[in-house]
């Protein structure tokens, strides 16, 4: 997911796609890549804390990066996008897929 060129346009397009592909509320799978850092991982996990999220992490072969999958029930596409924005704001260098 690249939001560098025009984040507002990107999120509007994502919102439309989410409304077209699912009936809400629905399960949503977030995928992120971060540099392996316990502090960054704790921040990322904290964003989804107390929401009933299932969080799985996998380190890269060399241990430099960690992929994080977050699966949880979201009420609507706007809620999905709010979480993407919160992660981008709070976790430095995160890559959202």
N, C-alpha and C. Protein backbone atom coordinates (compact mmCIF):
# COMPACT_ATOMS: atom_id res chain seq x y z
N UNK A 1 0.85 -1.17 0.00
CA UNK A 1 0.00 0.00 0.00
C UNK A 1 0.89 1.22 0.00
N UNK A 2 0.80 2.01 -0.99
CA UNK A 2 1.59 3.22 -1.04
C UNK A 2 0.67 4.42 -0.91
N UNK A 3 0.92 5.21 0.11
CA UNK A 3 0.09 6.39 0.34
C UNK A 3 0.89 7.67 0.14
N UNK A 4 2.08 7.56 -0.44
CA UNK A 4 2.97 8.71 -0.53
C UNK A 4 2.51 9.76 -1.52
N UNK A 5 1.93 9.38 -2.67
CA UNK A 5 1.58 10.36 -3.69
C UNK A 5 0.38 11.21 -3.28
N UNK A 6 -0.73 10.58 -2.91
CA UNK A 6 -1.90 11.32 -2.47
C UNK A 6 -2.70 10.45 -1.51
N UNK A 7 -2.41 10.57 -0.22
CA UNK A 7 -3.07 9.70 0.76
C UNK A 7 -4.59 9.79 0.74
N UNK A 8 -5.13 10.98 0.58
CA UNK A 8 -6.59 11.15 0.59
C UNK A 8 -7.23 10.38 -0.56
N UNK A 9 -6.64 10.50 -1.74
CA UNK A 9 -7.15 9.79 -2.91
C UNK A 9 -7.04 8.28 -2.71
N UNK A 10 -5.91 7.84 -2.17
CA UNK A 10 -5.70 6.42 -1.92
C UNK A 10 -6.76 5.87 -0.96
N UNK A 11 -6.99 6.56 0.15
CA UNK A 11 -7.96 6.08 1.14
C UNK A 11 -9.39 6.12 0.60
N UNK A 12 -9.70 7.10 -0.23
CA UNK A 12 -11.04 7.14 -0.84
C UNK A 12 -11.26 5.94 -1.74
N UNK A 13 -10.23 5.59 -2.53
CA UNK A 13 -10.33 4.43 -3.41
C UNK A 13 -10.44 3.14 -2.60
N UNK A 14 -9.66 3.04 -1.53
CA UNK A 14 -9.72 1.86 -0.67
C UNK A 14 -11.11 1.74 -0.04
N UNK A 15 -11.66 2.85 0.42
CA UNK A 15 -12.99 2.85 1.03
C UNK A 15 -14.02 2.30 0.05
N UNK A 16 -13.98 2.76 -1.20
CA UNK A 16 -14.91 2.28 -2.22
C UNK A 16 -14.76 0.78 -2.43
N UNK A 17 -13.51 0.31 -2.55
CA UNK A 17 -13.26 -1.11 -2.75
C UNK A 17 -13.79 -1.95 -1.59
N UNK A 18 -13.58 -1.47 -0.39
CA UNK A 18 -14.04 -2.22 0.78
C UNK A 18 -15.56 -2.31 0.83
N UNK A 19 -16.24 -1.23 0.50
CA UNK A 19 -17.70 -1.26 0.47
C UNK A 19 -18.22 -2.23 -0.60
N UNK A 20 -17.50 -2.33 -1.72
CA UNK A 20 -17.93 -3.20 -2.82
C UNK A 20 -17.67 -4.68 -2.54
N UNK A 21 -16.64 -4.99 -1.77
CA UNK A 21 -16.20 -6.38 -1.64
C UNK A 21 -16.69 -7.09 -0.38
N UNK A 22 -17.32 -6.39 0.54
CA UNK A 22 -17.75 -7.06 1.77
C UNK A 22 -19.01 -6.42 2.31
N UNK A 23 -19.76 -7.21 3.07
CA UNK A 23 -20.89 -6.64 3.81
C UNK A 23 -20.39 -6.44 5.24
N UNK A 24 -20.69 -5.31 5.77
CA UNK A 24 -20.11 -4.89 7.06
C UNK A 24 -21.10 -5.03 8.19
N UNK A 25 -20.64 -5.35 9.39
CA UNK A 25 -19.26 -5.58 9.82
C UNK A 25 -18.68 -6.84 9.19
N UNK A 26 -17.33 -6.85 9.07
CA UNK A 26 -16.64 -7.96 8.43
C UNK A 26 -15.26 -8.15 9.03
N UNK A 27 -14.73 -9.37 8.88
CA UNK A 27 -13.36 -9.63 9.30
C UNK A 27 -12.43 -8.94 8.30
N UNK A 28 -11.36 -8.34 8.82
CA UNK A 28 -10.39 -7.67 7.96
C UNK A 28 -8.99 -8.10 8.38
N UNK A 29 -8.13 -8.34 7.41
CA UNK A 29 -6.76 -8.74 7.67
C UNK A 29 -5.82 -7.61 7.28
N UNK A 30 -5.19 -7.02 8.29
CA UNK A 30 -4.15 -6.01 8.07
C UNK A 30 -2.82 -6.73 7.95
N UNK A 31 -1.94 -6.20 7.10
CA UNK A 31 -0.57 -6.72 7.02
C UNK A 31 0.39 -5.54 7.02
N UNK A 32 1.38 -5.65 7.88
CA UNK A 32 2.38 -4.60 8.02
C UNK A 32 3.77 -5.21 8.03
N UNK A 33 4.75 -4.41 7.64
CA UNK A 33 6.16 -4.79 7.79
C UNK A 33 6.84 -3.65 8.55
N UNK A 34 7.58 -4.05 9.59
CA UNK A 34 8.33 -3.06 10.37
C UNK A 34 9.75 -3.57 10.54
N UNK A 35 10.69 -2.64 10.82
CA UNK A 35 12.02 -3.07 11.20
C UNK A 35 11.86 -3.78 12.53
N UNK A 36 12.60 -4.87 12.70
CA UNK A 36 12.49 -5.63 13.95
C UNK A 36 12.93 -4.76 15.12
N UNK A 37 11.96 -4.39 15.92
CA UNK A 37 12.19 -3.50 17.05
C UNK A 37 11.04 -3.74 18.02
N UNK A 38 11.36 -4.19 19.22
CA UNK A 38 10.31 -4.52 20.19
C UNK A 38 9.43 -3.33 20.52
N UNK A 39 10.01 -2.13 20.53
CA UNK A 39 9.22 -0.93 20.84
C UNK A 39 8.18 -0.67 19.74
N UNK A 40 8.61 -0.77 18.47
CA UNK A 40 7.68 -0.56 17.35
C UNK A 40 6.59 -1.62 17.35
N UNK A 41 6.98 -2.86 17.64
CA UNK A 41 6.01 -3.95 17.68
C UNK A 41 5.00 -3.71 18.80
N UNK A 42 5.46 -3.26 19.94
CA UNK A 42 4.56 -2.99 21.07
C UNK A 42 3.58 -1.86 20.74
N UNK A 43 4.05 -0.84 20.05
CA UNK A 43 3.16 0.26 19.64
C UNK A 43 2.10 -0.26 18.68
N UNK A 44 2.55 -1.04 17.69
CA UNK A 44 1.62 -1.60 16.70
C UNK A 44 0.59 -2.49 17.37
N UNK A 45 1.02 -3.38 18.25
CA UNK A 45 0.08 -4.25 18.95
C UNK A 45 -0.86 -3.44 19.83
N UNK A 46 -0.36 -2.38 20.44
CA UNK A 46 -1.18 -1.54 21.30
C UNK A 46 -2.32 -0.86 20.57
N UNK A 47 -2.11 -0.55 19.30
CA UNK A 47 -3.14 0.10 18.49
C UNK A 47 -4.36 -0.80 18.35
N UNK A 48 -4.13 -2.11 18.34
CA UNK A 48 -5.23 -3.07 18.18
C UNK A 48 -5.60 -3.76 19.50
N UNK A 49 -5.05 -3.27 20.60
CA UNK A 49 -5.30 -3.86 21.91
C UNK A 49 -6.77 -3.74 22.30
N UNK A 50 -7.27 -4.75 22.97
CA UNK A 50 -8.66 -4.78 23.47
C UNK A 50 -9.71 -4.71 22.37
N UNK A 51 -9.36 -5.16 21.18
CA UNK A 51 -10.32 -5.18 20.09
C UNK A 51 -10.64 -6.60 19.65
N UNK A 52 -10.06 -7.59 20.31
CA UNK A 52 -10.27 -8.98 19.92
C UNK A 52 -9.45 -9.39 18.71
N UNK A 53 -8.36 -8.67 18.46
CA UNK A 53 -7.52 -8.95 17.30
C UNK A 53 -6.67 -10.20 17.51
N UNK A 54 -6.48 -10.93 16.43
CA UNK A 54 -5.53 -12.04 16.41
C UNK A 54 -4.30 -11.51 15.68
N UNK A 55 -3.17 -11.45 16.40
CA UNK A 55 -1.95 -10.87 15.84
C UNK A 55 -0.89 -11.95 15.70
N UNK A 56 -0.35 -12.07 14.49
CA UNK A 56 0.73 -13.02 14.22
C UNK A 56 1.94 -12.25 13.69
N UNK A 57 3.12 -12.63 14.16
CA UNK A 57 4.34 -11.99 13.70
C UNK A 57 5.30 -13.04 13.14
N UNK A 58 6.07 -12.63 12.14
CA UNK A 58 7.09 -13.49 11.55
C UNK A 58 8.31 -12.64 11.25
N UNK A 59 9.47 -13.07 11.76
CA UNK A 59 10.71 -12.34 11.48
C UNK A 59 11.28 -12.79 10.15
N UNK A 60 11.96 -11.87 9.47
CA UNK A 60 12.65 -12.21 8.22
C UNK A 60 13.82 -13.14 8.54
N UNK A 61 14.38 -13.75 7.51
CA UNK A 61 15.48 -14.70 7.70
C UNK A 61 16.63 -14.11 8.50
N UNK A 62 17.01 -12.89 8.17
CA UNK A 62 18.14 -12.25 8.87
C UNK A 62 17.71 -11.55 10.15
N UNK A 63 16.41 -11.50 10.39
CA UNK A 63 15.91 -10.86 11.60
C UNK A 63 15.85 -9.35 11.56
N UNK A 64 16.03 -8.77 10.38
CA UNK A 64 16.00 -7.30 10.26
C UNK A 64 14.58 -6.74 10.24
N UNK A 65 13.64 -7.52 9.75
CA UNK A 65 12.26 -7.06 9.59
C UNK A 65 11.30 -8.05 10.21
N UNK A 66 10.14 -7.54 10.59
CA UNK A 66 9.08 -8.38 11.14
C UNK A 66 7.80 -8.09 10.37
N UNK A 67 7.15 -9.15 9.89
CA UNK A 67 5.83 -8.97 9.28
C UNK A 67 4.79 -9.22 10.36
N UNK A 68 3.78 -8.38 10.35
CA UNK A 68 2.74 -8.44 11.36
C UNK A 68 1.39 -8.56 10.65
N UNK A 69 0.65 -9.61 10.98
CA UNK A 69 -0.71 -9.79 10.45
C UNK A 69 -1.69 -9.58 11.60
N UNK A 70 -2.69 -8.77 11.35
CA UNK A 70 -3.69 -8.47 12.37
C UNK A 70 -5.06 -8.78 11.78
N UNK A 71 -5.76 -9.73 12.36
CA UNK A 71 -7.08 -10.13 11.87
C UNK A 71 -8.11 -9.78 12.94
N UNK A 72 -9.12 -9.00 12.55
CA UNK A 72 -10.16 -8.66 13.50
C UNK A 72 -11.43 -8.22 12.80
N UNK A 73 -12.50 -8.20 13.56
CA UNK A 73 -13.80 -7.78 13.06
C UNK A 73 -13.87 -6.26 13.08
N UNK A 74 -14.14 -5.66 11.93
CA UNK A 74 -14.25 -4.21 11.83
C UNK A 74 -15.68 -3.85 11.45
N UNK A 75 -16.15 -2.71 11.97
CA UNK A 75 -17.57 -2.35 11.77
C UNK A 75 -17.87 -1.80 10.38
N UNK A 76 -16.88 -1.12 9.75
CA UNK A 76 -17.09 -0.57 8.41
C UNK A 76 -15.76 -0.13 7.79
N UNK A 77 -15.74 0.20 6.51
CA UNK A 77 -14.49 0.63 5.87
C UNK A 77 -13.84 1.85 6.50
N UNK A 78 -14.64 2.77 7.03
CA UNK A 78 -14.05 3.94 7.68
C UNK A 78 -13.23 3.54 8.89
N UNK A 79 -13.69 2.55 9.65
CA UNK A 79 -12.95 2.05 10.80
C UNK A 79 -11.65 1.40 10.37
N UNK A 80 -11.68 0.68 9.24
CA UNK A 80 -10.47 0.06 8.69
C UNK A 80 -9.45 1.14 8.36
N UNK A 81 -9.87 2.17 7.68
CA UNK A 81 -8.99 3.24 7.26
C UNK A 81 -8.45 4.01 8.46
N UNK A 82 -9.28 4.23 9.48
CA UNK A 82 -8.82 4.93 10.68
C UNK A 82 -7.64 4.20 11.31
N UNK A 83 -7.69 2.87 11.34
CA UNK A 83 -6.59 2.09 11.91
C UNK A 83 -5.33 2.20 11.05
N UNK A 84 -5.48 2.15 9.72
CA UNK A 84 -4.32 2.34 8.86
C UNK A 84 -3.67 3.70 9.14
N UNK A 85 -4.48 4.73 9.26
CA UNK A 85 -3.96 6.06 9.50
C UNK A 85 -3.28 6.16 10.87
N UNK A 86 -3.88 5.53 11.88
CA UNK A 86 -3.29 5.54 13.21
C UNK A 86 -1.93 4.83 13.22
N UNK A 87 -1.85 3.70 12.55
CA UNK A 87 -0.58 2.97 12.47
C UNK A 87 0.47 3.82 11.76
N UNK A 88 0.10 4.42 10.63
CA UNK A 88 1.05 5.25 9.88
C UNK A 88 1.55 6.44 10.71
N UNK A 89 0.69 6.96 11.56
CA UNK A 89 1.03 8.11 12.39
C UNK A 89 1.93 7.72 13.57
N UNK A 90 1.70 6.55 14.14
CA UNK A 90 2.38 6.18 15.40
C UNK A 90 3.58 5.27 15.23
N UNK A 91 3.67 4.53 14.13
CA UNK A 91 4.76 3.56 13.96
C UNK A 91 5.67 4.05 12.84
N UNK A 92 6.81 4.54 13.21
CA UNK A 92 7.76 5.11 12.25
C UNK A 92 8.26 4.03 11.29
N UNK A 93 8.23 4.35 9.99
CA UNK A 93 8.80 3.47 8.98
C UNK A 93 7.96 2.25 8.64
N UNK A 94 6.72 2.20 9.09
CA UNK A 94 5.87 1.03 8.82
C UNK A 94 5.50 0.98 7.34
N UNK A 95 5.45 -0.24 6.82
CA UNK A 95 4.96 -0.46 5.46
C UNK A 95 3.63 -1.21 5.59
N UNK A 96 2.59 -0.63 5.04
CA UNK A 96 1.26 -1.24 5.08
C UNK A 96 1.02 -1.93 3.76
N UNK A 97 0.56 -3.18 3.82
CA UNK A 97 0.30 -3.93 2.60
C UNK A 97 -1.18 -4.13 2.40
